[in-house]
């Protein structure tokens, strides 16, 4: 869990759209590096207990191991054997959900989206249990679930609005006073539960939405109303979430389920998937993480087809092959397979600041996926040096680079784990010249690669400002990094 929390903040694409902690975490930061909008507090509640419980236990490693596994309390003799699970399909269906490499990677690097996916799945299950809002207890529980989902991440509303609207219209709850009452109770509980944080932060939420749209444009994402935007998440589903084999399995499952009418609640499931896809498509900024909550409903479709496979040798062989491919894919994504190429591109895709391809599989995701690495990015050494120079007083640190494992977010995490009074930020504008560093006490520069282009466009100018004003920026120390570059620490006088 410690490595998950570390990499949850180190995951660069999580940090790039302002998915930071609650407002109080960065209250002391200079205005130039504060995010326009912070996630609701529950999104960080999941991380903080693990961070606190491990603060003094181990030294953090940037190389994370696989996701933590909880121990089952079930007696071993009562568990079905692996052979029985393969025969009845339950083991394959479970392996399908865990075998998606992106899900395992998310569980150790972007913990927030994993929790969001869980809340969306829980909300859909409770919504079904309400029996179209006939059940008062489940309606109340739905309200509580929606409140917690919204307090985890605001994108939750995009995944649950469509299914709730479908239930309201399909079952015509307006004709039943009891159903209307239960629906109103669920809505009120969700609104009050989430509103205590969203109402005070509504102005920042509005600013965040438009700022985020500008980030999407700067990243080169396709316009919302365009063909490339329409197929964007379909391409990400094949090339970065399922990969080709599981994507084909899902498509074939759709054909089977539609032809045989195997799903009684097929329309509800379709609304949940299409509604969430449409909501994420309408956002200007896009990312594979955003549609993770849709993978669960999609796996239900695949599970229905797998369950129909016979128990003869043909069905058993097909399940065994699928289990093998799932295990190989999950292992390659998280630990790497040396005898396989890093990835195989089937078709080159949309090119923005990043290029999103149609892939057979990937063992590397922009330098973030892959096997755990024994690397020391010197966060500890740099923070200790800053703390010693500042005599342990509250101070601020400007990180000009923005690399996946060397950025302001993971420096803030290391500082909190070590109990140091240091807040890090990432200045992105050099328009004010030397005053671009106002509010900072220390600066870190690196040579060579600076990170993603859309967050480091002004880095060369910022570096020049520091190097051209030695009377203001005093060189303190240099630290070699695993990338073969050197991090240079300066104090501002």
Foldseek 3Di string as FASTA:
>chain_A
DQLLLLQLLLQQVCPPLPADAPPVLCVLFDPLFHALDYAFHLQCVVRVVVLVVCLPPDDHFNFDDWADDDDDPDDPVPDDDPLVCLLQLVVLLVLLVVLFQVLRVCRRHNVLLNVLLVLLVVLLVLCVVCVLVLDLVSLLVSLVSLLSSCSSGVLSCQLVVQLNVCSCVVVVCVVPPNSVVSNVNSVVSNCVSNVVRCVVCVVSVVVSQVVSLVLLVLQFFDDLPDPCLVCVQVLCCQAPGRHPPVNVLLVVLVVVCVVVVQDPCVVSLVSSQVSSSSSQSNRSHHDNSSNPSNVVSSSVSSSSVLSPQHSDPVNSVVSVVSSVVSVVQNCLFAANDVVDPQWAFPAWADDGLHTRTRTNHHNQDPNSTYRGDRWDQCLVVVLVLVCVVVVQDQFEEEEQASASNDHQSSSSSSCVSNVGNYHYGYRQDCPVQPCSCPSHFKYKDKPDDRHRCSRNVCSVVVVCSLVVCCVFWPWDDWAQGPVRMIITMTGGD
